């Protein structure tokens, strides 16, 4: 199964300073310019399934790109940061190196939220389910964390390294899951 996975356009919060994931925040005023580039990158491609995170930043991009009614699935939401949602990172990461801090949350859920491994499991289940259902080529509108989990499942990186690079806003990542063992 071939998967084209699209990251939403930029949002009103800056993720370098404010923690957001599951929060349903809106896109920036530059949405049309950014989304036009995404739509152009998808031109000429055909899909036998179009899916989206239910969060508005993903659904708005899907609609703009010509898919006003994608199938929404909660497994495509960004990581649930729980009690950290909407808080500045400098209030969350105190007296600890950033790298050490994030390595711990690969397996340890955030307070009231989930771990990266929990997010990886839900994204993996979604992708394996779609492959088992016989989809050949699908389009997904979602979030950077979901894309990084999918990249790890596709063997392009280790889960521990997935956040070393985050796809650009509005980018399209092509992944192949024909090798997945469904046993």
N, C-alpha and C. Protein backbone atom coordinates (compact mmCIF):
# COMPACT_ATOMS: atom_id res chain seq x y z
N UNK A 1 0.85 -1.18 0.00
CA UNK A 1 0.00 0.00 0.00
C UNK A 1 0.89 1.24 0.00
N UNK A 2 0.57 2.13 -0.90
CA UNK A 2 1.29 3.41 -0.96
C UNK A 2 0.46 4.45 -0.20
N UNK A 3 1.15 5.24 0.61
CA UNK A 3 0.50 6.25 1.43
C UNK A 3 1.12 7.61 1.15
N UNK A 4 0.25 8.57 0.85
CA UNK A 4 0.66 9.97 0.73
C UNK A 4 0.13 10.64 1.98
N UNK A 5 1.03 11.14 2.80
CA UNK A 5 0.65 11.66 4.11
C UNK A 5 1.04 13.13 4.19
N UNK A 6 0.05 13.97 4.46
CA UNK A 6 0.20 15.42 4.38
C UNK A 6 0.16 16.03 5.77
N UNK A 7 1.14 16.87 6.06
CA UNK A 7 1.10 17.61 7.32
C UNK A 7 0.28 18.88 7.12
N UNK A 8 -0.52 19.21 8.11
CA UNK A 8 -1.32 20.44 8.07
C UNK A 8 -0.44 21.66 7.86
N UNK A 9 -1.03 22.78 7.48
CA UNK A 9 -0.30 24.03 7.31
C UNK A 9 0.01 24.62 8.69
N UNK A 10 0.75 25.72 8.72
CA UNK A 10 1.14 26.32 10.00
C UNK A 10 -0.08 26.80 10.78
N UNK A 11 0.09 26.85 12.08
CA UNK A 11 -1.02 27.16 12.99
C UNK A 11 -0.73 28.44 13.77
N UNK A 12 -1.75 28.91 14.48
CA UNK A 12 -1.64 30.18 15.20
C UNK A 12 -0.67 30.12 16.38
N UNK A 13 -0.35 28.93 16.87
CA UNK A 13 0.63 28.79 17.96
C UNK A 13 1.97 28.36 17.38
N UNK A 14 3.05 28.77 18.01
CA UNK A 14 4.39 28.35 17.61
C UNK A 14 4.79 27.17 18.48
N UNK A 15 4.87 25.99 17.88
CA UNK A 15 5.21 24.78 18.60
C UNK A 15 6.60 24.76 19.19
N UNK A 16 7.45 25.70 18.80
CA UNK A 16 8.77 25.80 19.43
C UNK A 16 8.65 26.37 20.84
N UNK A 17 7.56 27.08 21.09
CA UNK A 17 7.40 27.75 22.38
C UNK A 17 6.20 27.24 23.18
N UNK A 18 5.17 26.76 22.50
CA UNK A 18 3.95 26.32 23.16
C UNK A 18 3.69 24.86 22.80
N UNK A 19 3.38 24.06 23.79
CA UNK A 19 3.06 22.65 23.59
C UNK A 19 1.62 22.52 23.10
N UNK A 20 1.45 21.94 21.95
CA UNK A 20 0.11 21.62 21.47
C UNK A 20 0.19 20.31 20.71
N UNK A 21 -0.85 19.57 20.74
CA UNK A 21 -0.92 18.29 20.04
C UNK A 21 -2.38 18.00 19.75
N UNK A 22 -3.06 17.42 20.73
CA UNK A 22 -4.49 17.10 20.63
C UNK A 22 -5.36 18.35 20.57
N UNK A 23 -4.82 19.48 20.97
CA UNK A 23 -5.61 20.72 20.99
C UNK A 23 -6.08 21.05 19.57
N UNK A 24 -7.32 21.49 19.46
CA UNK A 24 -7.90 21.78 18.15
C UNK A 24 -7.68 23.26 17.81
N UNK A 25 -6.45 23.60 17.48
CA UNK A 25 -6.10 24.98 17.17
C UNK A 25 -6.25 25.26 15.68
N UNK A 26 -6.38 26.52 15.36
CA UNK A 26 -6.66 26.91 13.98
C UNK A 26 -5.38 27.22 13.21
N UNK A 27 -5.54 27.35 11.89
CA UNK A 27 -4.44 27.66 10.99
C UNK A 27 -4.15 29.16 10.99
N UNK A 28 -3.00 29.52 10.48
CA UNK A 28 -2.59 30.93 10.39
C UNK A 28 -3.27 31.62 9.21
N UNK A 29 -3.11 32.92 9.19
CA UNK A 29 -3.68 33.73 8.10
C UNK A 29 -3.02 33.44 6.75
N UNK A 30 -1.89 32.76 6.76
CA UNK A 30 -1.18 32.39 5.52
C UNK A 30 -1.69 31.07 4.93
N UNK A 31 -2.81 30.58 5.46
CA UNK A 31 -3.33 29.26 5.06
C UNK A 31 -3.47 29.11 3.55
N UNK A 32 -4.09 30.05 2.88
CA UNK A 32 -4.36 29.89 1.44
C UNK A 32 -3.06 29.76 0.65
N UNK A 33 -2.07 30.58 0.98
CA UNK A 33 -0.79 30.48 0.26
C UNK A 33 -0.13 29.13 0.49
N UNK A 34 -0.12 28.69 1.74
CA UNK A 34 0.51 27.41 2.08
C UNK A 34 -0.26 26.24 1.46
N UNK A 35 -1.58 26.28 1.60
CA UNK A 35 -2.42 25.18 1.12
C UNK A 35 -2.39 25.07 -0.40
N UNK A 36 -2.21 26.17 -1.09
CA UNK A 36 -2.13 26.15 -2.56
C UNK A 36 -0.93 25.31 -3.00
N UNK A 37 0.18 25.43 -2.30
CA UNK A 37 1.37 24.63 -2.62
C UNK A 37 1.12 23.15 -2.38
N UNK A 38 0.42 22.84 -1.31
CA UNK A 38 0.10 21.44 -1.01
C UNK A 38 -0.82 20.87 -2.09
N UNK A 39 -1.85 21.62 -2.44
CA UNK A 39 -2.79 21.16 -3.46
C UNK A 39 -2.06 20.89 -4.78
N UNK A 40 -1.14 21.76 -5.12
CA UNK A 40 -0.37 21.59 -6.35
C UNK A 40 0.48 20.31 -6.30
N UNK A 41 1.05 20.00 -5.13
CA UNK A 41 1.87 18.79 -4.97
C UNK A 41 1.05 17.51 -5.13
N UNK A 42 -0.26 17.60 -4.90
CA UNK A 42 -1.13 16.43 -5.00
C UNK A 42 -1.79 16.28 -6.37
N UNK A 43 -1.62 17.27 -7.24
CA UNK A 43 -2.26 17.24 -8.55
C UNK A 43 -1.88 15.98 -9.33
N UNK A 44 -2.87 15.37 -9.95
CA UNK A 44 -2.64 14.22 -10.81
C UNK A 44 -2.59 12.89 -10.08
N UNK A 45 -2.63 12.91 -8.76
CA UNK A 45 -2.60 11.66 -8.00
C UNK A 45 -4.03 11.18 -7.74
N UNK A 46 -4.23 9.88 -7.75
CA UNK A 46 -5.54 9.29 -7.47
C UNK A 46 -5.43 8.39 -6.25
N UNK A 47 -6.50 8.37 -5.46
CA UNK A 47 -6.50 7.61 -4.22
C UNK A 47 -7.77 6.78 -4.11
N UNK A 48 -7.63 5.60 -3.50
CA UNK A 48 -8.83 4.80 -3.26
C UNK A 48 -9.32 4.98 -1.82
N UNK A 49 -8.75 5.91 -1.11
CA UNK A 49 -9.21 6.27 0.22
C UNK A 49 -8.56 7.57 0.67
N UNK A 50 -9.33 8.46 1.26
CA UNK A 50 -8.81 9.73 1.79
C UNK A 50 -9.24 9.82 3.25
N UNK A 51 -8.26 10.03 4.12
CA UNK A 51 -8.48 10.04 5.56
C UNK A 51 -7.91 11.31 6.16
N UNK A 52 -8.41 11.65 7.35
CA UNK A 52 -7.93 12.86 8.02
C UNK A 52 -8.05 12.73 9.52
N UNK A 53 -7.16 13.42 10.19
CA UNK A 53 -7.34 13.66 11.62
C UNK A 53 -8.62 14.48 11.74
N UNK A 54 -9.37 14.32 12.82
CA UNK A 54 -10.57 15.15 12.99
C UNK A 54 -10.27 16.59 13.42
N UNK A 55 -9.01 16.89 13.73
CA UNK A 55 -8.68 18.25 14.15
C UNK A 55 -8.77 19.21 12.96
N UNK A 56 -9.29 20.41 13.21
CA UNK A 56 -9.62 21.34 12.11
C UNK A 56 -8.43 21.72 11.26
N UNK A 57 -7.23 21.75 11.81
CA UNK A 57 -6.08 22.13 10.99
C UNK A 57 -5.82 21.12 9.88
N UNK A 58 -6.15 19.87 10.10
CA UNK A 58 -6.01 18.84 9.07
C UNK A 58 -7.21 18.84 8.13
N UNK A 59 -8.41 18.93 8.68
CA UNK A 59 -9.63 18.90 7.86
C UNK A 59 -9.71 20.10 6.92
N UNK A 60 -9.28 21.27 7.37
CA UNK A 60 -9.31 22.46 6.50
C UNK A 60 -8.41 22.27 5.29
N UNK A 61 -7.25 21.68 5.50
CA UNK A 61 -6.35 21.45 4.38
C UNK A 61 -6.93 20.40 3.43
N UNK A 62 -7.52 19.36 3.98
CA UNK A 62 -8.15 18.34 3.13
C UNK A 62 -9.22 18.98 2.24
N UNK A 63 -10.08 19.80 2.83
CA UNK A 63 -11.15 20.46 2.06
C UNK A 63 -10.57 21.37 0.98
N UNK A 64 -9.55 22.13 1.33
CA UNK A 64 -8.94 23.06 0.37
C UNK A 64 -8.33 22.29 -0.81
N UNK A 65 -7.80 21.11 -0.53
CA UNK A 65 -7.15 20.30 -1.57
C UNK A 65 -8.15 19.49 -2.39
N UNK A 66 -9.45 19.68 -2.13
CA UNK A 66 -10.47 19.01 -2.94
C UNK A 66 -11.09 17.79 -2.30
N UNK A 67 -10.85 17.59 -1.01
CA UNK A 67 -11.39 16.44 -0.30
C UNK A 67 -12.21 16.93 0.90
N UNK A 68 -13.42 17.46 0.65
CA UNK A 68 -14.21 18.06 1.73
C UNK A 68 -14.79 17.05 2.72
N UNK A 69 -14.81 15.77 2.35
CA UNK A 69 -15.41 14.76 3.21
C UNK A 69 -14.48 13.56 3.44
N UNK A 70 -13.27 13.81 3.94
CA UNK A 70 -12.40 12.66 4.20
C UNK A 70 -12.97 11.84 5.36
N UNK A 71 -12.57 10.60 5.43
CA UNK A 71 -12.95 9.77 6.57
C UNK A 71 -12.05 10.17 7.73
N UNK A 72 -12.65 10.66 8.81
CA UNK A 72 -11.84 11.08 9.96
C UNK A 72 -11.62 9.91 10.91
N UNK A 73 -10.47 9.93 11.56
CA UNK A 73 -10.12 8.85 12.47
C UNK A 73 -9.27 9.44 13.60
N UNK A 74 -9.68 9.21 14.84
CA UNK A 74 -8.96 9.72 16.00
C UNK A 74 -7.53 9.21 16.08
N UNK A 75 -7.24 8.08 15.47
CA UNK A 75 -5.87 7.54 15.51
C UNK A 75 -4.90 8.41 14.73
N UNK A 76 -5.42 9.34 13.94
CA UNK A 76 -4.57 10.24 13.14
C UNK A 76 -4.34 11.59 13.82
N UNK A 77 -4.81 11.73 15.06
CA UNK A 77 -4.56 12.96 15.81
C UNK A 77 -3.09 13.04 16.23
N UNK A 78 -2.65 14.26 16.50
CA UNK A 78 -1.31 14.46 17.02
C UNK A 78 -1.21 13.86 18.41
N UNK A 79 -0.01 13.74 18.94
CA UNK A 79 0.20 13.18 20.27
C UNK A 79 -0.60 13.95 21.31
N UNK A 80 -1.17 13.23 22.25
CA UNK A 80 -1.92 13.84 23.34
C UNK A 80 -0.94 14.17 24.46
N UNK A 81 -0.66 15.46 24.63
CA UNK A 81 0.27 15.90 25.66
C UNK A 81 -0.41 16.12 27.01
N UNK A 82 -1.69 15.80 27.10
CA UNK A 82 -2.40 15.84 28.38
C UNK A 82 -2.34 17.19 29.07
N UNK A 83 -1.84 17.18 30.31
CA UNK A 83 -1.78 18.39 31.14
C UNK A 83 -0.87 19.46 30.56
N UNK A 84 -0.04 19.10 29.61
CA UNK A 84 0.89 20.07 29.02
C UNK A 84 0.26 20.89 27.90
N UNK A 85 -0.85 20.44 27.36
CA UNK A 85 -1.47 21.12 26.21
C UNK A 85 -1.66 22.61 26.50
N UNK A 86 -1.17 23.44 25.58
CA UNK A 86 -1.35 24.88 25.67
C UNK A 86 -0.38 25.60 26.59
N UNK A 87 0.52 24.85 27.23
CA UNK A 87 1.48 25.48 28.14
C UNK A 87 2.79 25.77 27.41
N UNK A 88 3.50 26.82 27.80
CA UNK A 88 4.82 27.09 27.22
C UNK A 88 5.81 25.98 27.58
N UNK A 89 6.64 25.61 26.60
CA UNK A 89 7.64 24.57 26.84
C UNK A 89 8.57 24.94 27.99
N UNK A 90 8.91 26.22 28.13
CA UNK A 90 9.85 26.60 29.19
C UNK A 90 9.26 26.43 30.58
N UNK A 91 7.94 26.27 30.70
CA UNK A 91 7.31 25.93 31.98
C UNK A 91 7.30 24.42 32.20
N UNK A 92 7.37 23.66 31.13
CA UNK A 92 7.29 22.20 31.21
C UNK A 92 8.67 21.60 31.42
N UNK A 93 9.63 22.06 30.65
CA UNK A 93 11.00 21.53 30.73
C UNK A 93 11.78 22.44 31.67
N UNK A 94 11.93 21.98 32.90
CA UNK A 94 12.63 22.77 33.91
C UNK A 94 13.78 21.94 34.47
N UNK A 95 14.96 22.52 34.50
CA UNK A 95 16.15 21.89 35.10
C UNK A 95 16.50 20.54 34.48
N UNK A 96 16.31 20.41 33.20
CA UNK A 96 16.61 19.16 32.51
C UNK A 96 16.95 19.47 31.06
N UNK A 97 17.88 18.72 30.49
CA UNK A 97 18.20 18.89 29.09
C UNK A 97 17.05 18.44 28.21
N UNK A 98 16.83 19.14 27.13
CA UNK A 98 15.71 18.84 26.24
C UNK A 98 15.77 17.43 25.69
N UNK A 99 16.96 16.99 25.28
CA UNK A 99 17.09 15.65 24.69
C UNK A 99 16.74 14.57 25.72
N UNK A 100 17.25 14.69 26.94
CA UNK A 100 16.95 13.71 27.98
C UNK A 100 15.45 13.71 28.29
N UNK A 101 14.88 14.89 28.33
CA UNK A 101 13.47 15.06 28.63
C UNK A 101 12.61 14.28 27.62
N UNK A 102 12.88 14.48 26.32
CA UNK A 102 12.06 13.84 25.30
C UNK A 102 12.35 12.34 25.16
N UNK A 103 13.56 11.90 25.46
CA UNK A 103 13.84 10.46 25.42
C UNK A 103 12.98 9.71 26.45
N UNK A 104 12.73 10.33 27.59
CA UNK A 104 11.93 9.69 28.63
C UNK A 104 10.49 9.47 28.16
N UNK A 105 9.97 10.39 27.35
CA UNK A 105 8.57 10.31 26.94
C UNK A 105 8.33 9.45 25.72
N UNK A 106 9.36 8.72 25.30
CA UNK A 106 9.14 7.70 24.27
C UNK A 106 8.25 6.62 24.87
N UNK A 107 8.55 6.21 26.10
CA UNK A 107 7.78 5.14 26.74
C UNK A 107 6.95 5.59 27.93
N UNK A 108 7.24 6.74 28.49
CA UNK A 108 6.49 7.23 29.65
C UNK A 108 5.43 8.23 29.20
N UNK A 109 4.15 7.97 29.47
CA UNK A 109 3.11 8.92 29.06
C UNK A 109 3.30 10.28 29.74
N UNK A 110 2.95 11.32 29.01
CA UNK A 110 2.94 12.65 29.60
C UNK A 110 1.82 12.68 30.65
N UNK A 111 1.88 13.56 31.64
CA UNK A 111 0.82 13.61 32.65
C UNK A 111 -0.56 13.84 32.01
N UNK A 112 -1.45 12.87 32.17
CA UNK A 112 -2.79 12.98 31.60
C UNK A 112 -2.83 12.76 30.10
N UNK A 113 -1.72 12.33 29.51
CA UNK A 113 -1.65 12.17 28.06
C UNK A 113 -1.13 10.81 27.66
N UNK A 114 -0.33 10.77 26.61
CA UNK A 114 0.19 9.51 26.10
C UNK A 114 1.68 9.61 25.83
N UNK A 115 2.31 8.46 25.65
CA UNK A 115 3.73 8.41 25.28
C UNK A 115 3.84 8.36 23.76
N UNK A 116 5.04 8.57 23.27
CA UNK A 116 5.28 8.45 21.83
C UNK A 116 4.99 7.03 21.37
N UNK A 117 5.34 6.04 22.17
CA UNK A 117 5.08 4.65 21.78
C UNK A 117 3.57 4.39 21.68
N UNK A 118 2.78 4.99 22.54
CA UNK A 118 1.32 4.84 22.45
C UNK A 118 0.81 5.46 21.15
N UNK A 119 1.34 6.63 20.78
CA UNK A 119 0.95 7.25 19.51
C UNK A 119 1.37 6.35 18.35
N UNK A 120 2.58 5.83 18.41
CA UNK A 120 3.09 4.95 17.36
C UNK A 120 2.17 3.73 17.19
N UNK A 121 1.72 3.16 18.30
CA UNK A 121 0.85 1.98 18.23
C UNK A 121 -0.48 2.31 17.55
N UNK A 122 -1.07 3.45 17.86
CA UNK A 122 -2.37 3.78 17.23
C UNK A 122 -2.20 4.09 15.75
N UNK A 123 -1.11 4.76 15.38
CA UNK A 123 -0.84 5.04 13.96
C UNK A 123 -0.57 3.72 13.21
N UNK A 124 0.21 2.85 13.82
CA UNK A 124 0.51 1.55 13.22
C UNK A 124 -0.76 0.73 13.00
N UNK A 125 -1.62 0.71 14.01
CA UNK A 125 -2.88 -0.04 13.87
C UNK A 125 -3.72 0.51 12.73
N UNK A 126 -3.78 1.82 12.61
CA UNK A 126 -4.54 2.44 11.52
C UNK A 126 -3.99 1.98 10.16
N UNK A 127 -2.68 2.11 9.97
CA UNK A 127 -2.07 1.78 8.68
C UNK A 127 -2.19 0.29 8.36
N UNK A 128 -1.97 -0.56 9.34
CA UNK A 128 -2.10 -2.00 9.09
C UNK A 128 -3.55 -2.37 8.78
N UNK A 129 -4.49 -1.72 9.44
CA UNK A 129 -5.91 -1.97 9.17
C UNK A 129 -6.25 -1.58 7.73
N UNK A 130 -5.79 -0.43 7.27
CA UNK A 130 -6.10 0.02 5.91
C UNK A 130 -5.46 -0.91 4.88
N UNK A 131 -4.27 -1.38 5.15
CA UNK A 131 -3.64 -2.33 4.22
C UNK A 131 -4.42 -3.63 4.19
N UNK A 132 -4.84 -4.13 5.36
CA UNK A 132 -5.61 -5.37 5.43
C UNK A 132 -6.96 -5.23 4.73
N UNK A 133 -7.50 -4.03 4.71
CA UNK A 133 -8.78 -3.78 4.03
C UNK A 133 -8.63 -3.70 2.52
N UNK A 134 -7.41 -3.78 2.02
CA UNK A 134 -7.17 -3.85 0.59
C UNK A 134 -6.91 -2.53 -0.11
N UNK A 135 -6.74 -1.46 0.63
CA UNK A 135 -6.41 -0.18 -0.01
C UNK A 135 -5.07 -0.29 -0.71
N UNK A 136 -4.98 0.35 -1.88
CA UNK A 136 -3.74 0.34 -2.65
C UNK A 136 -2.96 1.65 -2.53
N UNK A 137 -3.71 2.76 -2.52
CA UNK A 137 -3.07 4.08 -2.47
C UNK A 137 -4.00 5.03 -1.71
N UNK A 138 -3.54 5.49 -0.55
CA UNK A 138 -4.37 6.36 0.26
C UNK A 138 -3.70 7.71 0.52
N UNK A 139 -4.54 8.66 0.87
CA UNK A 139 -4.10 10.01 1.20
C UNK A 139 -4.54 10.30 2.63
N UNK A 140 -3.62 10.84 3.44
CA UNK A 140 -3.90 11.14 4.84
C UNK A 140 -3.51 12.58 5.12
N UNK A 141 -4.42 13.34 5.74
CA UNK A 141 -4.14 14.69 6.21
C UNK A 141 -4.01 14.63 7.72
N UNK A 142 -2.84 15.00 8.24
CA UNK A 142 -2.63 14.81 9.68
C UNK A 142 -1.56 15.74 10.23
N UNK A 143 -0.67 15.20 11.07
CA UNK A 143 0.24 15.99 11.88
C UNK A 143 1.66 15.43 11.82
N UNK A 144 2.62 16.27 12.19
CA UNK A 144 4.02 15.87 12.15
C UNK A 144 4.33 14.62 12.94
N UNK A 145 3.75 14.49 14.13
CA UNK A 145 4.00 13.32 14.95
C UNK A 145 3.47 12.04 14.32
N UNK A 146 2.32 12.13 13.69
CA UNK A 146 1.75 10.97 13.00
C UNK A 146 2.65 10.57 11.83
N UNK A 147 3.12 11.55 11.10
CA UNK A 147 4.01 11.27 9.96
C UNK A 147 5.29 10.62 10.46
N UNK A 148 5.85 11.12 11.56
CA UNK A 148 7.08 10.53 12.08
C UNK A 148 6.86 9.09 12.55
N UNK A 149 5.72 8.81 13.15
CA UNK A 149 5.40 7.44 13.54
C UNK A 149 5.29 6.55 12.30
N UNK A 150 4.65 7.05 11.26
CA UNK A 150 4.52 6.30 10.01
C UNK A 150 5.88 6.07 9.36
N UNK A 151 6.75 7.07 9.42
CA UNK A 151 8.11 6.92 8.88
C UNK A 151 8.86 5.82 9.63
N UNK A 152 8.69 5.76 10.95
CA UNK A 152 9.34 4.71 11.74
C UNK A 152 8.78 3.34 11.35
N UNK A 153 7.48 3.23 11.19
CA UNK A 153 6.86 1.97 10.78
C UNK A 153 7.36 1.54 9.40
N UNK A 154 7.59 2.51 8.52
CA UNK A 154 8.07 2.22 7.17
C UNK A 154 9.57 1.87 7.16
N UNK A 155 10.22 1.97 8.31
CA UNK A 155 11.64 1.61 8.39
C UNK A 155 12.58 2.72 7.98
N UNK A 156 12.09 3.95 7.86
CA UNK A 156 12.95 5.06 7.44
C UNK A 156 13.73 5.67 8.60
N UNK A 157 13.33 5.36 9.83
CA UNK A 157 14.03 5.84 11.01
C UNK A 157 13.62 4.99 12.20
N UNK A 158 14.38 5.07 13.25
CA UNK A 158 14.00 4.43 14.50
C UNK A 158 13.04 5.36 15.24
N UNK A 159 12.15 4.81 16.02
CA UNK A 159 11.20 5.63 16.75
C UNK A 159 11.93 6.64 17.64
N UNK A 160 13.04 6.23 18.22
CA UNK A 160 13.82 7.12 19.09
C UNK A 160 14.40 8.32 18.35
N UNK A 161 14.52 8.20 17.03
CA UNK A 161 15.09 9.27 16.21
C UNK A 161 14.03 10.02 15.41
N UNK A 162 12.78 9.61 15.53
CA UNK A 162 11.72 10.13 14.67
C UNK A 162 11.57 11.64 14.77
N UNK A 163 11.79 12.21 15.95
CA UNK A 163 11.57 13.65 16.12
C UNK A 163 12.81 14.49 15.82
N UNK A 164 13.87 13.85 15.33
CA UNK A 164 15.06 14.62 14.93
C UNK A 164 14.72 15.54 13.77
N UNK A 165 13.80 15.11 12.94
CA UNK A 165 13.31 15.94 11.84
C UNK A 165 11.79 15.85 11.80
N UNK A 166 11.15 16.99 11.65
CA UNK A 166 9.70 17.02 11.54
C UNK A 166 9.37 17.55 10.15
N UNK A 167 8.48 16.89 9.43
CA UNK A 167 8.14 17.36 8.08
C UNK A 167 7.63 18.81 8.11
N UNK A 168 7.88 19.52 7.06
CA UNK A 168 7.45 20.92 6.95
C UNK A 168 5.93 21.01 6.90
N UNK A 169 5.41 22.14 7.34
CA UNK A 169 3.98 22.39 7.24
C UNK A 169 3.56 22.30 5.78
N UNK A 170 2.47 21.60 5.52
CA UNK A 170 1.93 21.47 4.17
C UNK A 170 2.66 20.49 3.28
N UNK A 171 3.68 19.81 3.82
CA UNK A 171 4.47 18.88 3.01
C UNK A 171 3.71 17.59 2.74
N UNK A 172 4.13 16.89 1.68
CA UNK A 172 3.56 15.60 1.32
C UNK A 172 4.69 14.57 1.41
N UNK A 173 4.49 13.55 2.23
CA UNK A 173 5.47 12.48 2.40
C UNK A 173 4.90 11.21 1.78
N UNK A 174 5.66 10.59 0.91
CA UNK A 174 5.23 9.34 0.26
C UNK A 174 5.89 8.17 0.95
N UNK A 175 5.08 7.21 1.39
CA UNK A 175 5.59 6.03 2.08
C UNK A 175 5.01 4.77 1.45
N UNK A 176 5.77 3.69 1.51
CA UNK A 176 5.34 2.41 0.95
C UNK A 176 5.23 1.40 2.09
N UNK A 177 4.06 0.77 2.22
CA UNK A 177 3.83 -0.21 3.27
C UNK A 177 3.52 -1.59 2.70
N UNK A 178 4.00 -1.89 1.49
CA UNK A 178 3.75 -3.20 0.91
C UNK A 178 4.46 -4.31 1.68
N UNK A 179 5.51 -3.97 2.38
CA UNK A 179 6.31 -4.96 3.11
C UNK A 179 5.69 -5.37 4.45
N UNK A 180 4.69 -4.63 4.94
CA UNK A 180 4.14 -4.89 6.28
C UNK A 180 3.67 -6.33 6.42
N UNK A 181 4.08 -6.96 7.49
CA UNK A 181 3.63 -8.32 7.81
C UNK A 181 2.34 -8.22 8.61
N UNK A 182 1.26 -8.70 8.05
CA UNK A 182 -0.04 -8.59 8.70
C UNK A 182 -0.37 -9.80 9.56
N UNK A 183 0.57 -10.71 9.73
CA UNK A 183 0.32 -11.91 10.54
C UNK A 183 0.27 -11.58 12.01
